[in-house]
C-alpha atoms as a PDB file:
ATOM      1  CA  MET A   1       0.116   0.355  -0.292  1.00  0.00           C
ATOM      2  CA  LYS A   2       1.129   3.451  -1.272  1.00  0.00           C
ATOM      3  CA  LYS A   3       1.966   6.280   1.640  1.00  0.00           C
ATOM      4  CA  LEU A   4       0.274   9.012   1.471  1.00  0.00           C
ATOM      5  CA  SER A   5       2.810  11.822   1.875  1.00  0.00           C
ATOM      6  CA  ALA A   6       1.062  14.542   3.297  1.00  0.00           C
ATOM      7  CA  ARG A   7      -2.992  15.026   4.300  1.00  0.00           C
ATOM      8  CA  ARG A   8      -4.984  17.741   2.609  1.00  0.00           C
ATOM      9  CA  ARG A   9      -6.161  20.375   4.828  1.00  0.00           C
ATOM     10  CA  HIS A  10      -9.443  21.473   4.943  1.00  0.00           C
ATOM     11  CA  PRO A  11      -9.820  24.718   2.654  1.00  0.00           C
ATOM     12  CA  LEU A  12     -11.846  26.500   5.970  1.00  0.00           C
ATOM     13  CA  ALA A  13      -8.593  25.863   8.544  1.00  0.00           C
ATOM     14  CA  ALA A  14      -6.644  28.852   7.765  1.00  0.00           C
ATOM     15  CA  VAL A  15      -9.942  30.706   8.355  1.00  0.00           C
ATOM     16  CA  VAL A  16     -10.363  28.847  12.013  1.00  0.00           C
ATOM     17  CA  VAL A  17      -6.484  29.239  13.168  1.00  0.00           C
ATOM     18  CA  LEU A  18      -6.967  32.852  11.807  1.00  0.00           C
ATOM     19  CA  LEU A  19     -10.552  33.448  14.015  1.00  0.00           C
ATOM     20  CA  PHE A  20      -8.673  31.627  17.128  1.00  0.00           C
ATOM     21  CA  ALA A  21      -5.439  33.957  17.204  1.00  0.00           C
ATOM     22  CA  LEU A  22      -8.007  36.828  16.975  1.00  0.00           C
ATOM     23  CA  ALA A  23      -9.747  35.530  20.011  1.00  0.00           C
ATOM     24  CA  VAL A  24      -6.825  35.008  21.754  1.00  0.00           C
ATOM     25  CA  THR A  25      -5.373  38.327  20.988  1.00  0.00           C
ATOM     26  CA  GLY A  26      -8.433  39.742  21.920  1.00  0.00           C
ATOM     27  CA  GLY A  27      -9.055  38.088  24.888  1.00  0.00           C
ATOM     28  CA  LEU A  28      -5.824  39.143  25.921  1.00  0.00           C
ATOM     29  CA  TYR A  29      -6.141  42.893  25.584  1.00  0.00           C
ATOM     30  CA  ALA A  30      -9.207  42.848  27.344  1.00  0.00           C
ATOM     31  CA  ALA A  31      -7.888  41.000  30.349  1.00  0.00           C
ATOM     32  CA  PHE A  32      -4.674  44.151  30.289  1.00  0.00           C
ATOM     33  CA  ALA A  33      -5.825  46.864  28.784  1.00  0.00           C
ATOM     34  CA  PRO A  34      -8.858  48.084  31.026  1.00  0.00           C
ATOM     35  CA  ALA A  35      -6.875  47.174  33.815  1.00  0.00           C
ATOM     36  CA  GLU A  36      -3.936  49.635  32.465  1.00  0.00           C
ATOM     37  CA  SER A  37      -6.266  52.077  31.739  1.00  0.00           C
ATOM     38  CA  ALA A  38      -7.763  51.932  34.997  1.00  0.00           C
ATOM     39  CA  LYS A  39      -4.706  51.594  36.890  1.00  0.00           C
ATOM     40  CA  ALA A  40      -3.867  55.222  35.084  1.00  0.00           C
ATOM     41  CA  ASP A  41      -7.260  57.010  35.780  1.00  0.00           C
ATOM     42  CA  ASP A  42      -6.814  56.002  39.266  1.00  0.00           C
ATOM     43  CA  THR A  43      -3.435  57.132  39.313  1.00  0.00           C
ATOM     44  CA  ALA A  44      -3.966  60.736  37.791  1.00  0.00           C
ATOM     45  CA  GLN A  45      -7.237  61.234  40.083  1.00  0.00           C
ATOM     46  CA  SER A  46      -4.954  60.377  42.917  1.00  0.00           C
ATOM     47  CA  LEU A  47      -2.173  62.872  42.197  1.00  0.00           C
ATOM     48  CA  ALA A  48      -4.752  65.329  41.338  1.00  0.00           C
ATOM     49  CA  ILE A  49      -6.147  64.901  45.092  1.00  0.00           C
ATOM     50  CA  GLU A  50      -3.092  65.446  45.938  1.00  0.00           C
ATOM     51  CA  GLU A  51      -1.971  68.680  44.260  1.00  0.00           C
ATOM     52  CA  GLY A  52      -5.881  69.961  46.202  1.00  0.00           C
ATOM     53  CA  LYS A  53      -4.469  68.769  49.256  1.00  0.00           C
ATOM     54  CA  LYS A  54      -1.633  70.959  48.495  1.00  0.00           C
ATOM     55  CA  LEU A  55      -3.405  73.794  47.534  1.00  0.00           C
ATOM     56  CA  TYR A  56      -6.124  73.768  50.360  1.00  0.00           C
ATOM     57  CA  SER A  57      -3.501  73.640  53.166  1.00  0.00           C
ATOM     58  CA  VAL A  58      -2.444  76.843  51.675  1.00  0.00           C
ATOM     59  CA  GLY A  59      -5.225  78.858  51.004  1.00  0.00           C
ATOM     60  CA  CYS A  60      -8.144  77.024  52.594  1.00  0.00           C
ATOM     61  CA  ALA A  61      -7.126  75.404  55.362  1.00  0.00           C
ATOM     62  CA  SER A  62      -7.218  78.637  58.102  1.00  0.00           C
ATOM     63  CA  CYS A  63     -10.889  78.921  57.476  1.00  0.00           C
ATOM     64  CA  HIS A  64     -12.243  75.611  57.011  1.00  0.00           C
ATOM     65  CA  GLY A  65      -9.367  73.767  59.334  1.00  0.00           C
ATOM     66  CA  THR A  66      -6.843  70.990  58.052  1.00  0.00           C
ATOM     67  CA  GLY A  67      -8.919  68.263  57.831  1.00  0.00           C
ATOM     68  CA  ALA A  68     -11.766  70.132  56.102  1.00  0.00           C
ATOM     69  CA  GLN A  69     -13.844  70.181  59.073  1.00  0.00           C
ATOM     70  CA  GLY A  70     -14.515  73.345  59.436  1.00  0.00           C
ATOM     71  CA  THR A  71     -14.038  75.905  62.082  1.00  0.00           C
ATOM     72  CA  SER A  72     -15.768  79.525  63.374  1.00  0.00           C
ATOM     73  CA  ASP A  73     -14.561  81.163  60.485  1.00  0.00           C
ATOM     74  CA  GLY A  74     -15.649  78.646  58.382  1.00  0.00           C
ATOM     75  CA  PRO A  75     -18.065  75.993  57.641  1.00  0.00           C
ATOM     76  CA  SER A  76     -17.065  71.925  56.962  1.00  0.00           C
ATOM     77  CA  LEU A  77     -16.289  71.028  53.593  1.00  0.00           C
ATOM     78  CA  VAL A  78     -16.694  67.995  54.330  1.00  0.00           C
ATOM     79  CA  GLY A  79     -19.690  65.975  51.812  1.00  0.00           C
ATOM     80  CA  VAL A  80     -20.257  69.453  49.850  1.00  0.00           C
ATOM     81  CA  GLY A  81     -19.017  68.217  46.703  1.00  0.00           C
ATOM     82  CA  SER A  82     -17.102  68.581  43.507  1.00  0.00           C
ATOM     83  CA  ALA A  83     -19.666  71.109  42.239  1.00  0.00           C
ATOM     84  CA  ALA A  84     -19.428  73.131  45.507  1.00  0.00           C
ATOM     85  CA  VAL A  85     -16.019  73.842  45.010  1.00  0.00           C
ATOM     86  CA  ASP A  86     -16.056  74.590  41.363  1.00  0.00           C
ATOM     87  CA  PHE A  87     -18.913  76.873  41.848  1.00  0.00           C
ATOM     88  CA  GLN A  88     -17.250  78.754  44.885  1.00  0.00           C
ATOM     89  CA  VAL A  89     -13.897  78.823  43.852  1.00  0.00           C
ATOM     90  CA  ARG A  90     -14.521  79.420  39.798  1.00  0.00           C
ATOM     91  CA  THR A  91     -16.646  82.674  40.643  1.00  0.00           C
ATOM     92  CA  GLY A  92     -14.083  83.974  42.987  1.00  0.00           C
ATOM     93  CA  ARG A  93     -16.084  83.985  45.623  1.00  0.00           C
ATOM     94  CA  MET A  94     -13.625  81.669  47.634  1.00  0.00           C
ATOM     95  CA  PRO A  95     -11.195  82.246  49.444  1.00  0.00           C
ATOM     96  CA  MET A  96     -12.717  85.580  50.702  1.00  0.00           C
ATOM     97  CA  GLN A  97     -10.983  88.480  50.939  1.00  0.00           C
ATOM     98  CA  GLN A  98     -12.301  89.039  54.190  1.00  0.00           C
ATOM     99  CA  GLN A  99     -15.604  87.898  56.187  1.00  0.00           C
ATOM    100  CA  GLY A 100     -18.694  89.472  55.933  1.00  0.00           C
ATOM    101  CA  ALA A 101     -22.381  88.413  55.617  1.00  0.00           C
ATOM    102  CA  GLN A 102     -21.814  87.111  52.095  1.00  0.00           C
ATOM    103  CA  ALA A 103     -18.762  85.955  49.513  1.00  0.00           C
ATOM    104  CA  PRO A 104     -19.314  88.612  46.720  1.00  0.00           C
ATOM    105  CA  ARG A 105     -18.397  87.272  42.913  1.00  0.00           C
ATOM    106  CA  LYS A 106     -14.736  88.361  41.922  1.00  0.00           C
ATOM    107  CA  LYS A 107     -12.276  87.722  39.558  1.00  0.00           C
ATOM    108  CA  PRO A 108     -11.044  83.837  40.468  1.00  0.00           C
ATOM    109  CA  VAL A 109      -7.649  83.302  41.745  1.00  0.00           C
ATOM    110  CA  TYR A 110      -6.944  79.878  41.434  1.00  0.00           C
ATOM    111  CA  THR A 111      -6.818  78.408  37.969  1.00  0.00           C
ATOM    112  CA  GLN A 112     -10.266  75.937  36.566  1.00  0.00           C
ATOM    113  CA  ALA A 113      -6.781  73.052  36.963  1.00  0.00           C
ATOM    114  CA  GLN A 114      -6.026  74.323  40.111  1.00  0.00           C
ATOM    115  CA  THR A 115      -9.815  74.162  40.791  1.00  0.00           C
ATOM    116  CA  ASP A 116     -10.707  70.842  39.355  1.00  0.00           C
ATOM    117  CA  GLN A 117      -7.618  69.357  41.711  1.00  0.00           C
ATOM    118  CA  LEU A 118      -9.031  71.054  44.831  1.00  0.00           C
ATOM    119  CA  ALA A 119     -12.233  69.374  43.950  1.00  0.00           C
ATOM    120  CA  ALA A 120     -11.226  66.327  43.783  1.00  0.00           C
ATOM    121  CA  TYR A 121      -9.768  66.904  47.056  1.00  0.00           C
ATOM    122  CA  ILE A 122     -12.960  68.098  48.890  1.00  0.00           C
ATOM    123  CA  ALA A 123     -14.866  65.308  46.744  1.00  0.00           C
ATOM    124  CA  SER A 124     -12.335  62.847  48.440  1.00  0.00           C
ATOM    125  CA  LEU A 125     -13.490  63.336  51.494  1.00  0.00           C
ATOM    126  CA  GLY A 126     -16.511  62.844  51.224  1.00  0.00           C
ATOM    127  CA  ALA A 127     -19.880  62.110  48.281  1.00  0.00           C
ATOM    128  CA  GLY A 128     -21.544  64.901  47.340  1.00  0.00           C
ATOM    129  CA  PRO A 129     -22.684  66.502  44.478  1.00  0.00           C
ATOM    130  CA  ALA A 130     -20.600  66.252  41.096  1.00  0.00           C
ATOM    131  CA  VAL A 131     -19.518  68.376  38.434  1.00  0.00           C
ATOM    132  CA  PRO A 132     -22.276  69.085  36.026  1.00  0.00           C
ATOM    133  CA  SER A 133     -21.734  67.636  32.272  1.00  0.00           C
ATOM    134  CA  LYS A 134     -22.103  70.304  29.651  1.00  0.00           C
ATOM    135  CA  ASP A 135     -25.001  68.080  28.362  1.00  0.00           C
ATOM    136  CA  GLN A 136     -26.630  69.148  31.591  1.00  0.00           C
ATOM    137  CA  TYR A 137     -26.265  72.569  31.918  1.00  0.00           C
ATOM    138  CA  SER A 138     -26.594  73.899  28.354  1.00  0.00           C
ATOM    139  CA  PRO A 139     -29.251  75.776  27.891  1.00  0.00           C
ATOM    140  CA  ASP A 140     -30.291  74.418  24.378  1.00  0.00           C
ATOM    141  CA  GLY A 141     -33.066  72.462  23.797  1.00  0.00           C
ATOM    142  CA  GLY A 142     -34.429  74.165  27.102  1.00  0.00           C
ATOM    143  CA  ASP A 143     -38.598  74.489  27.463  1.00  0.00           C
ATOM    144  CA  ILE A 144     -38.304  78.745  27.661  1.00  0.00           C
ATOM    145  CA  ALA A 145     -41.532  78.971  28.684  1.00  0.00           C
ATOM    146  CA  LYS A 146     -41.444  76.381  31.614  1.00  0.00           C
ATOM    147  CA  GLY A 147     -38.425  77.939  32.646  1.00  0.00           C
ATOM    148  CA  GLY A 148     -39.821  80.975  33.189  1.00  0.00           C
ATOM    149  CA  GLU A 149     -42.484  79.273  34.604  1.00  0.00           C
ATOM    150  CA  LEU A 150     -40.053  77.654  37.328  1.00  0.00           C
ATOM    151  CA  PHE A 151     -37.549  80.552  37.597  1.00  0.00           C
ATOM    152  CA  ARG A 152     -41.285  82.780  38.791  1.00  0.00           C
ATOM    153  CA  THR A 153     -41.919  80.596  41.471  1.00  0.00           C
ATOM    154  CA  ASN A 154     -38.836  79.028  42.704  1.00  0.00           C
ATOM    155  CA  CYS A 155     -36.100  81.823  42.379  1.00  0.00           C
ATOM    156  CA  ALA A 156     -37.747  85.262  41.725  1.00  0.00           C
ATOM    157  CA  GLN A 157     -38.837  85.956  45.091  1.00  0.00           C
ATOM    158  CA  CYS A 158     -35.054  86.837  45.943  1.00  0.00           C
ATOM    159  CA  HIS A 159     -33.977  87.195  42.480  1.00  0.00           C
ATOM    160  CA  ASN A 160     -36.196  89.149  40.635  1.00  0.00           C
ATOM    161  CA  PHE A 161     -38.326  87.928  37.846  1.00  0.00           C
ATOM    162  CA  THR A 162     -35.603  89.076  35.323  1.00  0.00           C
ATOM    163  CA  GLY A 163     -32.223  87.606  37.149  1.00  0.00           C
ATOM    164  CA  LYS A 164     -31.331  91.212  38.218  1.00  0.00           C
ATOM    165  CA  GLY A 165     -31.366  89.910  42.084  1.00  0.00           C
ATOM    166  CA  GLY A 166     -31.936  91.484  45.311  1.00  0.00           C
ATOM    167  CA  ALA A 167     -31.274  92.740  48.922  1.00  0.00           C
ATOM    168  CA  LEU A 168     -31.825  90.222  51.482  1.00  0.00           C
ATOM    169  CA  SER A 169     -32.124  90.668  55.432  1.00  0.00           C
ATOM    170  CA  ASN A 170     -28.240  91.404  57.347  1.00  0.00           C
ATOM    171  CA  GLY A 171     -26.486  93.093  54.555  1.00  0.00           C
ATOM    172  CA  LYS A 172     -26.679  89.654  52.854  1.00  0.00           C
ATOM    173  CA  PHE A 173     -28.138  89.943  49.263  1.00  0.00           C
ATOM    174  CA  ALA A 174     -29.702  87.410  45.529  1.00  0.00           C
ATOM    175  CA  PRO A 175     -26.781  88.402  43.496  1.00  0.00           C
ATOM    176  CA  SER A 176     -27.650  89.600  39.809  1.00  0.00           C
ATOM    177  CA  LEU A 177     -27.713  86.755  37.306  1.00  0.00           C
ATOM    178  CA  GLU A 178     -26.861  88.516  34.520  1.00  0.00           C
ATOM    179  CA  ASP A 179     -23.958  87.269  32.119  1.00  0.00           C
ATOM    180  CA  VAL A 180     -23.624  84.307  34.416  1.00  0.00           C
ATOM    181  CA  ASP A 181     -21.947  80.888  33.310  1.00  0.00           C
ATOM    182  CA  PRO A 182     -24.778  78.459  32.695  1.00  0.00           C
ATOM    183  CA  LYS A 183     -22.500  75.675  34.436  1.00  0.00           C
ATOM    184  CA  HIS A 184     -22.324  77.691  37.874  1.00  0.00           C
ATOM    185  CA  ILE A 185     -26.290  78.374  37.696  1.00  0.00           C
ATOM    186  CA  TYR A 186     -26.476  74.700  37.397  1.00  0.00           C
ATOM    187  CA  GLU A 187     -23.947  73.934  40.531  1.00  0.00           C
ATOM    188  CA  ALA A 188     -25.332  76.827  42.290  1.00  0.00           C
ATOM    189  CA  MET A 189     -28.775  75.261  42.157  1.00  0.00           C
ATOM    190  CA  GLN A 190     -27.325  71.544  43.556  1.00  0.00           C
ATOM    191  CA  THR A 191     -25.842  73.132  45.649  1.00  0.00           C
ATOM    192  CA  GLY A 192     -27.122  76.061  47.388  1.00  0.00           C
ATOM    193  CA  PRO A 193     -24.357  78.243  47.951  1.00  0.00           C
ATOM    194  CA  GLN A 194     -24.697  81.098  51.162  1.00  0.00           C
ATOM    195  CA  ASN A 195     -28.116  82.121  51.651  1.00  0.00           C
ATOM    196  CA  MET A 196     -29.932  80.231  48.279  1.00  0.00           C
ATOM    197  CA  PRO A 197     -31.666  76.826  48.821  1.00  0.00           C
ATOM    198  CA  SER A 198     -30.504  73.399  47.238  1.00  0.00           C
ATOM    199  CA  PHE A 199     -32.828  72.117  44.135  1.00  0.00           C
ATOM    200  CA  PRO A 200     -31.595  68.646  44.414  1.00  0.00           C
ATOM    201  CA  ASP A 201     -31.989  66.011  41.470  1.00  0.00           C
ATOM    202  CA  THR A 202     -34.837  64.764  43.911  1.00  0.00           C
ATOM    203  CA  THR A 203     -36.667  68.136  44.186  1.00  0.00           C
ATOM    204  CA  MET A 204     -36.288  69.724  40.882  1.00  0.00           C
ATOM    205  CA  SER A 205     -35.638  67.364  37.777  1.00  0.00           C
ATOM    206  CA  GLN A 206     -32.315  67.525  36.009  1.00  0.00           C
ATOM    207  CA  LYS A 207     -34.761  68.313  32.614  1.00  0.00           C
ATOM    208  CA  ASN A 208     -36.238  71.606  35.231  1.00  0.00           C
ATOM    209  CA  LYS A 209     -32.708  73.197  36.031  1.00  0.00           C
ATOM    210  CA  LYS A 210     -31.838  73.478  31.918  1.00  0.00           C
ATOM    211  CA  ASP A 211     -35.224  74.937  31.585  1.00  0.00           C
ATOM    212  CA  ILE A 212     -34.191  77.286  33.994  1.00  0.00           C
ATOM    213  CA  ILE A 213     -30.653  78.412  32.636  1.00  0.00           C
ATOM    214  CA  ALA A 214     -32.740  78.513  29.094  1.00  0.00           C
ATOM    215  CA  TYR A 215     -34.724  81.096  29.921  1.00  0.00           C
ATOM    216  CA  LEU A 216     -32.046  83.130  31.884  1.00  0.00           C
ATOM    217  CA  ASP A 217     -30.162  82.546  28.621  1.00  0.00           C
ATOM    218  CA  GLU A 218     -33.476  84.285  26.919  1.00  0.00           C
ATOM    219  CA  VAL A 219     -33.704  87.219  29.149  1.00  0.00           C
ATOM    220  CA  ASN A 220     -30.666  88.459  30.841  1.00  0.00           C
ATOM    221  CA  THR A 221     -27.944  88.033  28.964  1.00  0.00           C
ATOM    222  CA  SER A 222     -25.976  90.792  27.133  1.00  0.00           C
ATOM    223  CA  LYS A 223     -27.765  89.298  24.003  1.00  0.00           C
ATOM    224  CA  SER A 224     -31.197  89.478  25.847  1.00  0.00           C
ATOM    225  CA  GLU A 225     -33.543  92.191  23.836  1.00  0.00           C
ATOM    226  CA  SER A 226     -35.946  94.201  25.949  1.00  0.00           C
ATOM    227  CA  PRO A 227     -38.871  94.478  23.274  1.00  0.00           C
ATOM    228  CA  GLY A 228     -40.708  96.926  25.415  1.00  0.00           C
ATOM    229  CA  GLY A 229     -37.543  99.574  25.484  1.00  0.00           C
ATOM    230  CA  LEU A 230     -36.420 101.277  28.334  1.00  0.00           C
ATOM    231  CA  ASN A 231     -36.484  98.508  31.141  1.00  0.00           C
ATOM    232  CA  LEU A 232     -34.716 100.556  34.103  1.00  0.00           C
ATOM    233  CA  GLY A 233     -32.823  98.003  35.208  1.00  0.00           C
ATOM    234  CA  GLY A 234     -35.637  95.573  35.468  1.00  0.00           C
ATOM    235  CA  LEU A 235     -36.007  96.117  38.906  1.00  0.00           C
ATOM    236  CA  GLY A 236     -39.758  96.088  38.969  1.00  0.00           C
ATOM    237  CA  PRO A 237     -42.226  98.719  40.678  1.00  0.00           C
ATOM    238  CA  VAL A 238     -40.177 100.275  43.405  1.00  0.00           C
ATOM    239  CA  SER A 239     -37.859 101.863  40.506  1.00  0.00           C
ATOM    240  CA  GLU A 240     -40.898 102.311  37.859  1.00  0.00           C
ATOM    241  CA  GLY A 241     -42.846 104.358  40.694  1.00  0.00           C
ATOM    242  CA  LEU A 242     -39.348 106.338  42.009  1.00  0.00           C
ATOM    243  CA  PHE A 243     -39.186 107.023  37.467  1.00  0.00           C
ATOM    244  CA  GLY A 244     -42.598 108.277  37.317  1.00  0.00           C
ATOM    245  CA  TRP A 245     -42.683 110.489  40.966  1.00  0.00           C
ATOM    246  CA  ILE A 246     -39.455 112.249  40.252  1.00  0.00           C
ATOM    247  CA  PHE A 247     -38.987 112.608  36.214  1.00  0.00           C
ATOM    248  CA  GLY A 248     -42.787 112.558  35.103  1.00  0.00           C
ATOM    249  CA  LEU A 249     -44.505 114.561  38.388  1.00  0.00           C
ATOM    250  CA  GLY A 250     -41.275 116.904  37.763  1.00  0.00           C
ATOM    251  CA  ALA A 251     -41.912 117.768  34.038  1.00  0.00           C
ATOM    252  CA  LEU A 252     -45.749 118.655  34.890  1.00  0.00           C
ATOM    253  CA  ILE A 253     -44.778 120.902  37.373  1.00  0.00           C
ATOM    254  CA  ALA A 254     -42.190 122.493  35.447  1.00  0.00           C
ATOM    255  CA  LEU A 255     -44.722 122.446  32.277  1.00  0.00           C
ATOM    256  CA  ALA A 256     -47.675 124.272  34.451  1.00  0.00           C
ATOM    257  CA  ILE A 257     -44.824 127.042  36.121  1.00  0.00           C
ATOM    258  CA  TRP A 258     -43.753 127.362  32.061  1.00  0.00           C
ATOM    259  CA  VAL A 259     -47.819 127.489  31.110  1.00  0.00           C
ATOM    260  CA  ALA A 260     -48.240 130.150  34.328  1.00  0.00           C
ATOM    261  CA  ALA A 261     -45.439 132.047  32.922  1.00  0.00           C
ATOM    262  CA  ARG A 262     -46.195 132.756  29.454  1.00  0.00           C
ATOM    263  CA  THR A 263     -49.939 133.369  30.517  1.00  0.00           C
ATOM    264  CA  ALA A 264     -48.562 136.340  32.616  1.00  0.00           C
ATOM    265  CA  LYS A 265     -46.711 137.480  30.324  1.00  0.00           C
ATOM    266  CA  ALA A 266     -49.350 137.590  27.544  1.00  0.00           C
ATOM    267  CA  LYS A 267     -51.777 139.445  29.977  1.00  0.00           C
ATOM    268  CA  LYS A 268     -48.792 141.981  30.599  1.00  0.00           C
ATOM    269  CA  SER A 269     -48.525 142.799  27.283  1.00  0.00           C
END
């Protein structure tokens, strides 16, 4: 009997071998690559927390305590979350220049990168509201009419019906919302800074927050139009009434004096 010099291979054998090799390679990648990526993310987060702790020790610990537990000069920051840090620091309210009834908005001291590091450190001390994504705070797609209704119901009592701000008790005030970054408006609703109540998602949904931001973007930015003409600051009936008394009544008195003077002069002539 003749020996076969070699067995003939099935024509699909090469394809099977290739698929097997790809499966093994994919399995190895799935096993090691995500782990490496996660490890890199953890390392970056740890570095951010460490740098944030250094920044905190220099600029914040004197008021809020070495462990952010709070002192007589500043509240505890444990559990406030990264959103509160981003809002307070990026609007320049923190660090405060001096103690007072309220921290005013001013030019920020820290860069965005430094603020992110501070936020990472504070977030590591306890869970709290996180910095929102752009999709959450962008006014695009928001319901302006619904936002106006929500704003007048929940915010106008302090901030005025168009967000111009207003006075509160004991030297406190509700700041103007004109040209405020939508991100900071969202964070303020999340965290309730200073005298403002907080509106977590359980109280006011993300969609409703977006609607309010869309309303403010429409009526209270530098690009907003005033179809009624001069709005007198948009401060309501007090400023409008004062304008009416001073200028309106003053103009009527001046007109009456002019008419009387002209009449008397006409009679003499």
